[in-house]
């Protein structure tokens, strides 16, 4: 149901324009919003009017009009005065309130529809029937974004998202859990991934600059039908989880770009422990200091190029070689060799995955 604050704001604006006092009461005669002292309007006066077949009547110097929702009385609007102008203004107020009720009801129904759609709680026939009633295109290509904003205690991220995407045609914002925001967005075609990536960057930049929030955005693949939206949502959720484990430096993670992280994420934990013990024994990568890990990561980023890595780390080439030799002695892997570098890279990802699983228990 529409909030009392929205009703109060609406009649306040009408009062400021028309200078006619208005009051809205519920079916029990309790004031919902008013621009004047409305205590005298309680009780049998409203109850008797609701039970009458008339849509409006004048009682004790007030115009009383019914506010309907699907032929049922939900509110009574009272306009102070008995003139024709007062009646006309009362009718305008009733029309505005009824339109607000319809808009809020449609928004609630859409929110409920998309939440159940994302969670696979709807039968196929229900999807198409409800989409038709809510005027939602079933065949438009869509993608689902999942937005996680850290330390967002005041729900700033949701408000900023609504400001940008709330009024855009083909966009819908909702949430099925407290910490993540979901954006379902129509796209031009099934190949519009450059456009999707650009939108994700806009979200990250906006939350960072306007909300002062650190945000991570993940998105699924483009689906061609409304019934497949839940698939894109599940992909986005997987991409967000995988990104937080294996690609912490990224603010945007795409499901179709997860790489080897997707494979490791689906491995049983016991198999991961066997893999780590088989390669490293007691010298597992988590025991390596941060300086060494930074060196290794930069070495991998530069395609095992010693000269370029030493330049970017601002260290002498011999210092970098010394660190690599030290790692070789500790783990038995010489990361200057492709096979050993690949093994160590995978091992680091597996260790991160094991840490994530342990933290979730």
Protein backbone atom coordinates (compact mmCIF):
# COMPACT_ATOMS: atom_id res chain seq x y z
CA UNK A 1 0.00 0.00 0.00
CA UNK A 2 1.05 3.56 -0.66
CA UNK A 3 2.84 5.16 2.31
CA UNK A 4 1.24 7.84 4.50
CA UNK A 5 4.17 10.16 3.81
CA UNK A 6 3.54 10.04 0.07
CA UNK A 7 -0.13 10.86 0.63
CA UNK A 8 0.78 13.74 2.95
CA UNK A 9 3.20 15.17 0.40
CA UNK A 10 0.57 14.90 -2.33
CA UNK A 11 -2.17 16.76 -0.46
CA UNK A 12 0.32 19.34 0.86
CA UNK A 13 1.22 20.18 -2.74
CA UNK A 14 -2.46 20.44 -3.70
CA UNK A 15 -3.14 22.68 -0.69
CA UNK A 16 -0.27 25.01 -1.66
CA UNK A 17 -1.68 25.31 -5.20
CA UNK A 18 -5.42 25.51 -4.49
CA UNK A 19 -5.53 26.80 -0.88
CA UNK A 20 -8.15 24.15 -0.12
CA UNK A 21 -7.61 22.05 3.00
CA UNK A 22 -7.70 18.30 2.47
CA UNK A 23 -7.74 15.28 4.72
CA UNK A 24 -7.39 11.56 3.94
CA UNK A 25 -8.74 8.96 6.37
CA UNK A 26 -8.76 5.17 6.20
CA UNK A 27 -11.88 2.99 6.23
CA UNK A 28 -11.88 2.94 10.03
CA UNK A 29 -11.99 6.71 10.22
CA UNK A 30 -8.37 7.15 11.32
CA UNK A 31 -6.48 10.10 9.77
CA UNK A 32 -3.77 9.11 7.29
CA UNK A 33 -2.75 12.61 6.18
CA UNK A 34 -4.21 16.05 6.63
CA UNK A 35 -3.57 19.75 6.04
CA UNK A 36 -5.79 20.79 8.96
CA UNK A 37 -6.92 19.57 12.39
CA UNK A 38 -9.01 16.54 11.42
CA UNK A 39 -9.90 15.03 14.79
CA UNK A 40 -13.53 16.06 14.37
CA UNK A 41 -13.81 13.89 11.25
CA UNK A 42 -13.47 10.57 13.07
CA UNK A 43 -16.04 7.94 13.96
CA UNK A 44 -19.51 7.33 12.62
CA UNK A 45 -19.34 10.16 10.08
CA UNK A 46 -16.85 8.37 7.83
CA UNK A 47 -18.23 4.89 8.52
CA UNK A 48 -21.73 5.93 7.47
CA UNK A 49 -20.41 7.48 4.25
CA UNK A 50 -18.45 4.34 3.33
CA UNK A 51 -21.56 2.20 3.70
CA UNK A 52 -23.64 4.53 1.53
CA UNK A 53 -23.87 3.91 -2.26
CA UNK A 54 -22.89 7.52 -3.03
CA UNK A 55 -19.38 8.33 -4.27
CA UNK A 56 -19.50 11.77 -2.66
CA UNK A 57 -21.58 13.84 -0.30
CA UNK A 58 -21.50 17.05 1.74
CA UNK A 59 -21.58 16.68 5.52
CA UNK A 60 -21.21 19.50 8.06
CA UNK A 61 -19.47 21.81 5.61
CA UNK A 62 -17.12 19.19 4.14
CA UNK A 63 -17.03 17.44 0.78
CA UNK A 64 -16.45 13.70 1.32
CA UNK A 65 -15.29 11.53 -1.59
CA UNK A 66 -14.37 7.86 -1.85
CA UNK A 67 -10.93 6.72 -3.03
CA UNK A 68 -11.28 3.35 -4.73
CA UNK A 69 -8.96 0.48 -5.59
CA UNK A 70 -10.58 -2.06 -7.90
CA UNK A 71 -14.05 -0.88 -6.77
CA UNK A 72 -13.22 -1.23 -3.08
CA UNK A 73 -13.04 1.83 -0.82
CA UNK A 74 -9.52 2.22 0.58
CA UNK A 75 -9.60 5.85 1.71
CA UNK A 76 -12.02 8.73 2.16
CA UNK A 77 -10.90 12.16 1.04
CA UNK A 78 -12.36 15.15 2.82
CA UNK A 79 -12.20 18.61 1.25
CA UNK A 80 -12.95 21.54 3.54
CA UNK A 81 -15.74 23.62 2.02
CA UNK A 82 -18.99 23.12 0.13
CA UNK A 83 -18.45 25.07 -3.09
CA UNK A 84 -18.27 23.59 -6.58
CA UNK A 85 -14.58 24.50 -6.73
CA UNK A 86 -13.90 22.56 -3.54
CA UNK A 87 -15.69 19.55 -5.00
CA UNK A 88 -13.65 19.80 -8.22
CA UNK A 89 -10.38 20.00 -6.27
CA UNK A 90 -11.49 17.03 -4.18
CA UNK A 91 -12.10 15.02 -7.36
CA UNK A 92 -8.65 15.96 -8.65
CA UNK A 93 -7.14 14.80 -5.35
CA UNK A 94 -9.05 11.51 -5.55
CA UNK A 95 -7.84 10.96 -9.11
CA UNK A 96 -4.24 11.63 -8.08
CA UNK A 97 -4.46 9.27 -5.12
CA UNK A 98 -6.00 6.50 -7.20
CA UNK A 99 -3.28 6.84 -9.82
CA UNK A 100 -0.62 6.72 -7.08
CA UNK A 101 -2.20 3.55 -5.69
CA UNK A 102 -2.16 1.92 -9.13
CA UNK A 103 1.47 2.95 -9.72
CA UNK A 104 2.62 1.67 -6.33
CA UNK A 105 0.68 -1.55 -6.73
CA UNK A 106 2.20 -2.12 -10.19
CA UNK A 107 5.68 -1.41 -8.83
CA UNK A 108 5.13 -3.84 -5.96
CA UNK A 109 3.79 -6.49 -8.34
CA UNK A 110 6.79 -6.03 -10.67
CA UNK A 111 9.20 -6.29 -7.76
CA UNK A 112 7.50 -9.45 -6.54
CA UNK A 113 7.45 -10.85 -10.08
CA UNK A 114 11.16 -10.28 -10.74
CA UNK A 115 12.18 -11.61 -7.33
CA UNK A 116 10.28 -14.85 -7.92
CA UNK A 117 11.57 -14.98 -11.50
CA UNK A 118 15.19 -14.68 -10.34
CA UNK A 119 14.71 -17.39 -7.72
CA UNK A 120 12.97 -19.81 -10.13
CA UNK A 121 9.75 -19.73 -8.11
CA UNK A 122 7.42 -19.38 -11.11
CA UNK A 123 5.97 -21.91 -13.50
CA UNK A 124 6.51 -21.19 -17.19
CA UNK A 125 2.85 -20.40 -17.79
CA UNK A 126 2.84 -17.99 -14.81
CA UNK A 127 5.86 -16.15 -16.18
CA UNK A 128 4.16 -15.32 -19.46
CA UNK A 129 0.74 -14.58 -17.94
CA UNK A 130 2.08 -12.23 -15.27
CA UNK A 131 4.51 -10.58 -17.67
CA UNK A 132 1.61 -9.79 -20.01
CA UNK A 133 -0.41 -8.20 -17.19
CA UNK A 134 2.59 -6.13 -16.08
CA UNK A 135 3.40 -5.06 -19.68
CA UNK A 136 6.84 -6.70 -19.65
CA UNK A 137 8.39 -7.73 -22.96
CA UNK A 138 9.14 -11.47 -22.82
CA UNK A 139 11.47 -11.64 -25.81
CA UNK A 140 13.87 -8.74 -25.25
CA UNK A 141 17.55 -9.69 -24.66
CA UNK A 142 18.49 -9.11 -21.02
CA UNK A 143 21.43 -9.42 -18.67
CA UNK A 144 21.59 -9.50 -14.88
CA UNK A 145 24.09 -7.44 -12.89
CA UNK A 146 24.90 -8.16 -9.27
CA UNK A 147 26.26 -5.22 -7.27
CA UNK A 148 27.94 -5.53 -3.89
CA UNK A 149 28.89 -2.32 -2.08
CA UNK A 150 31.12 -2.63 0.97
CA UNK A 151 30.23 -0.78 4.21
CA UNK A 152 26.94 0.51 2.81
CA UNK A 153 25.14 0.96 6.12
CA UNK A 154 22.68 3.63 4.90
CA UNK A 155 21.53 1.89 1.72
CA UNK A 156 23.20 4.58 -0.39
CA UNK A 157 24.02 2.17 -3.21
CA UNK A 158 20.37 1.28 -3.81
CA UNK A 159 19.36 4.94 -3.96
CA UNK A 160 22.15 5.78 -6.41
CA UNK A 161 21.24 2.80 -8.59
CA UNK A 162 17.60 3.88 -8.65
CA UNK A 163 18.60 7.43 -9.59
CA UNK A 164 20.42 6.20 -12.70
CA UNK A 165 18.51 3.12 -13.78
CA UNK A 166 15.14 3.41 -12.03
CA UNK A 167 13.53 5.46 -14.79
CA UNK A 168 15.30 3.83 -17.74
CA UNK A 169 13.05 1.78 -19.96
CA UNK A 170 13.86 -1.91 -19.80
CA UNK A 171 15.68 -1.66 -16.44
CA UNK A 172 14.49 -3.07 -13.14
CA UNK A 173 16.24 -2.93 -9.77
CA UNK A 174 15.50 -5.29 -6.90
CA UNK A 175 17.18 -7.39 -4.21
CA UNK A 176 16.67 -10.94 -2.97
CA UNK A 177 19.24 -10.71 -0.18
CA UNK A 178 20.38 -7.86 2.01
CA UNK A 179 23.93 -7.27 0.80
CA UNK A 180 23.52 -7.38 -2.99
CA UNK A 181 21.60 -5.22 -5.47
CA UNK A 182 20.25 -6.80 -8.66
CA UNK A 183 19.85 -4.90 -11.92
CA UNK A 184 17.94 -6.62 -14.72
CA UNK A 185 18.64 -4.66 -17.90
CA UNK A 186 17.51 -4.98 -21.49
CA UNK A 187 20.27 -4.80 -24.11
CA UNK A 188 20.28 -4.26 -27.85
CA UNK A 189 21.23 -7.77 -28.91
CA UNK A 190 22.88 -10.97 -27.69
CA UNK A 191 26.34 -9.72 -28.66
CA UNK A 192 26.29 -6.41 -26.77
CA UNK A 193 28.96 -7.35 -24.23
CA UNK A 194 30.98 -4.17 -24.80
CA UNK A 195 27.89 -2.17 -23.80
CA UNK A 196 27.40 -4.36 -20.73
CA UNK A 197 31.00 -3.90 -19.62
CA UNK A 198 30.66 -0.14 -20.04
CA UNK A 199 27.51 -0.09 -17.89
CA UNK A 200 29.29 -2.11 -15.19
CA UNK A 201 32.12 0.44 -15.18
CA UNK A 202 29.60 3.28 -14.85
CA UNK A 203 28.12 1.57 -11.77
CA UNK A 204 31.53 1.09 -10.14
CA UNK A 205 32.61 4.69 -10.86
CA UNK A 206 29.30 6.13 -9.64
CA UNK A 207 29.30 4.24 -6.34
CA UNK A 208 32.95 5.12 -5.82
CA UNK A 209 32.74 8.85 -6.57
CA UNK A 210 29.20 9.73 -5.43
CA UNK A 211 28.65 7.19 -2.67
CA UNK A 212 32.28 6.85 -1.53
CA UNK A 213 31.74 3.08 -1.62
CA UNK A 214 33.99 0.27 -2.77
CA UNK A 215 31.83 -1.73 -5.15
CA UNK A 216 32.18 -5.01 -6.99
CA UNK A 217 29.99 -5.74 -10.00
CA UNK A 218 29.42 -9.10 -11.65
CA UNK A 219 27.21 -9.95 -14.59
CA UNK A 220 25.96 -13.09 -16.31
CA UNK A 221 25.50 -13.87 -19.98
CA UNK A 222 22.87 -12.27 -22.19
CA UNK A 223 19.63 -14.27 -22.34
CA UNK A 224 17.12 -13.91 -25.12
CA UNK A 225 13.91 -14.70 -23.21
CA UNK A 226 12.39 -13.60 -19.93
CA UNK A 227 12.20 -17.16 -18.63
CA UNK A 228 16.03 -17.39 -18.78
CA UNK A 229 16.67 -14.36 -16.54
CA UNK A 230 17.23 -16.65 -13.54
CA UNK A 231 20.06 -18.31 -15.50
CA UNK A 232 21.84 -14.97 -15.96
CA UNK A 233 21.30 -14.21 -12.25
CA UNK A 234 22.90 -17.51 -11.19
CA UNK A 235 25.82 -16.82 -13.51
CA UNK A 236 26.28 -13.33 -12.05
CA UNK A 237 26.20 -14.74 -8.53
CA UNK A 238 28.82 -17.34 -9.43
CA UNK A 239 30.96 -14.67 -11.12
CA UNK A 240 30.81 -12.48 -7.99
CA UNK A 241 31.90 -15.36 -5.74
CA UNK A 242 34.68 -16.47 -8.08
CA UNK A 243 35.87 -12.89 -8.52
CA UNK A 244 36.15 -12.35 -4.75
CA UNK A 245 38.23 -15.52 -4.39
CA UNK A 246 40.55 -15.47 -7.40
CA UNK A 247 40.44 -11.96 -8.85
CA UNK A 248 40.30 -9.69 -5.82
CA UNK A 249 42.01 -6.87 -7.70
CA UNK A 250 39.13 -6.66 -10.19
CA UNK A 251 36.08 -4.50 -9.53
CA UNK A 252 34.15 -6.06 -12.44
CA UNK A 253 33.80 -9.79 -13.10
CA UNK A 254 32.06 -11.29 -16.12
CA UNK A 255 30.76 -14.85 -16.07
CA UNK A 256 32.08 -15.52 -19.58
CA UNK A 257 35.60 -14.39 -18.55
CA UNK A 258 36.18 -16.43 -15.38
CA UNK A 259 38.88 -18.62 -16.89
CA UNK A 260 40.50 -21.24 -14.71
CA UNK A 261 38.88 -19.78 -11.60
CA UNK A 262 35.58 -21.32 -12.69
CA UNK A 263 37.14 -24.80 -12.80
CA UNK A 264 38.84 -24.52 -9.40
CA UNK A 265 35.64 -23.19 -7.80
CA UNK A 266 33.85 -26.41 -8.73
CA UNK A 267 36.54 -28.73 -7.32
CA UNK A 268 35.89 -30.64 -4.07
CA UNK A 269 37.89 -29.22 -1.14
CA UNK A 270 39.45 -32.62 -0.36
CA UNK A 271 40.82 -32.83 -3.89
CA UNK A 272 42.29 -29.34 -3.51
CA UNK A 273 44.07 -30.33 -0.28
CA UNK A 274 45.52 -33.42 -1.95
CA UNK A 275 46.77 -31.28 -4.84
CA UNK A 276 48.48 -28.77 -2.52
CA UNK A 277 50.10 -31.44 -0.36
CA UNK A 278 51.25 -33.38 -3.40
CA UNK A 279 53.09 -30.39 -4.84
CA UNK A 280 54.34 -28.49 -1.83
CA UNK A 281 54.19 -30.82 1.11
CA UNK A 282 54.66 -28.66 4.22
CA UNK A 283 55.83 -25.58 2.25
CA UNK A 284 52.43 -24.42 1.05
CA UNK A 285 52.20 -21.01 -0.68
CA UNK A 286 50.31 -19.34 2.19
CA UNK A 287 53.54 -19.39 4.22
CA UNK A 288 55.27 -17.13 1.66
CA UNK A 289 55.56 -13.47 2.66
CA UNK A 290 53.65 -10.66 0.92
CA UNK A 291 56.76 -9.27 -0.75
CA UNK A 292 57.42 -12.59 -2.44
CA UNK A 293 53.81 -12.96 -3.53
CA UNK A 294 53.82 -9.43 -4.99
CA UNK A 295 57.00 -10.24 -6.87
CA UNK A 296 55.57 -13.46 -8.24
CA UNK A 297 52.31 -11.81 -9.32
CA UNK A 298 54.16 -9.04 -11.14
CA UNK A 299 56.40 -11.66 -12.77
CA UNK A 300 53.33 -13.48 -14.07
CA UNK A 301 51.74 -10.21 -15.25
CA UNK A 302 54.84 -9.58 -17.35
CA UNK A 303 54.80 -13.04 -18.96
CA UNK A 304 57.85 -14.29 -17.00
CA UNK A 305 60.00 -11.40 -18.27
CA UNK A 306 62.73 -10.77 -15.67
CA UNK A 307 63.91 -7.42 -17.06
CA UNK A 308 60.44 -5.86 -17.31
CA UNK A 309 59.42 -7.17 -13.89
CA UNK A 310 62.52 -5.77 -12.17
CA UNK A 311 61.89 -2.41 -13.87
CA UNK A 312 58.29 -2.23 -12.68
CA UNK A 313 59.21 -3.32 -9.16
CA UNK A 314 62.08 -0.79 -9.06
CA UNK A 315 64.58 -3.48 -8.03
CA UNK A 316 67.84 -4.64 -9.56
CA UNK A 317 67.62 -7.62 -11.91
CA UNK A 318 69.89 -9.63 -9.60
CA UNK A 319 67.56 -8.90 -6.65
CA UNK A 320 64.62 -10.29 -8.61
CA UNK A 321 66.61 -13.38 -9.60
CA UNK A 322 67.58 -13.86 -5.95
CA UNK A 323 63.93 -13.80 -4.90
CA UNK A 324 63.01 -16.31 -7.60
CA UNK A 325 65.84 -18.60 -6.50
CA UNK A 326 64.71 -18.29 -2.90
CA UNK A 327 61.19 -19.35 -3.91
CA UNK A 328 62.66 -22.23 -5.88
CA UNK A 329 64.49 -23.48 -2.81
CA UNK A 330 61.38 -23.16 -0.62
CA UNK A 331 58.89 -24.82 -2.96
CA UNK A 332 60.90 -26.78 -5.50
CA UNK A 333 59.33 -24.78 -8.34
CA UNK A 334 61.35 -22.56 -10.67
CA UNK A 335 58.78 -20.08 -11.93
CA UNK A 336 61.08 -19.01 -14.77
CA UNK A 337 59.98 -22.27 -16.41
CA UNK A 338 56.52 -22.29 -17.90
CA UNK A 339 55.37 -25.59 -16.37
CA UNK A 340 56.49 -24.62 -12.88
CA UNK A 341 55.02 -21.14 -13.26
CA UNK A 342 51.66 -22.63 -14.30
CA UNK A 343 51.73 -25.05 -11.37
CA UNK A 344 52.51 -22.28 -8.89
CA UNK A 345 49.82 -19.98 -10.34
CA UNK A 346 47.17 -22.69 -10.02
CA UNK A 347 48.40 -23.54 -6.52
CA UNK A 348 47.96 -19.94 -5.39
CA UNK A 349 44.40 -19.93 -6.72
CA UNK A 350 43.64 -23.25 -5.03
CA UNK A 351 44.97 -21.94 -1.71
CA UNK A 352 42.76 -18.84 -2.01
CA UNK A 353 39.78 -21.09 -2.70
CA UNK A 354 40.53 -23.24 0.35
CA UNK A 355 40.80 -20.11 2.53
CA UNK A 356 37.41 -18.95 1.23
CA UNK A 357 35.78 -22.30 1.98
CA UNK A 358 37.27 -22.33 5.50
CA UNK A 359 35.99 -18.79 6.15
CA UNK A 360 32.46 -19.81 5.15
CA UNK A 361 32.32 -22.65 7.67
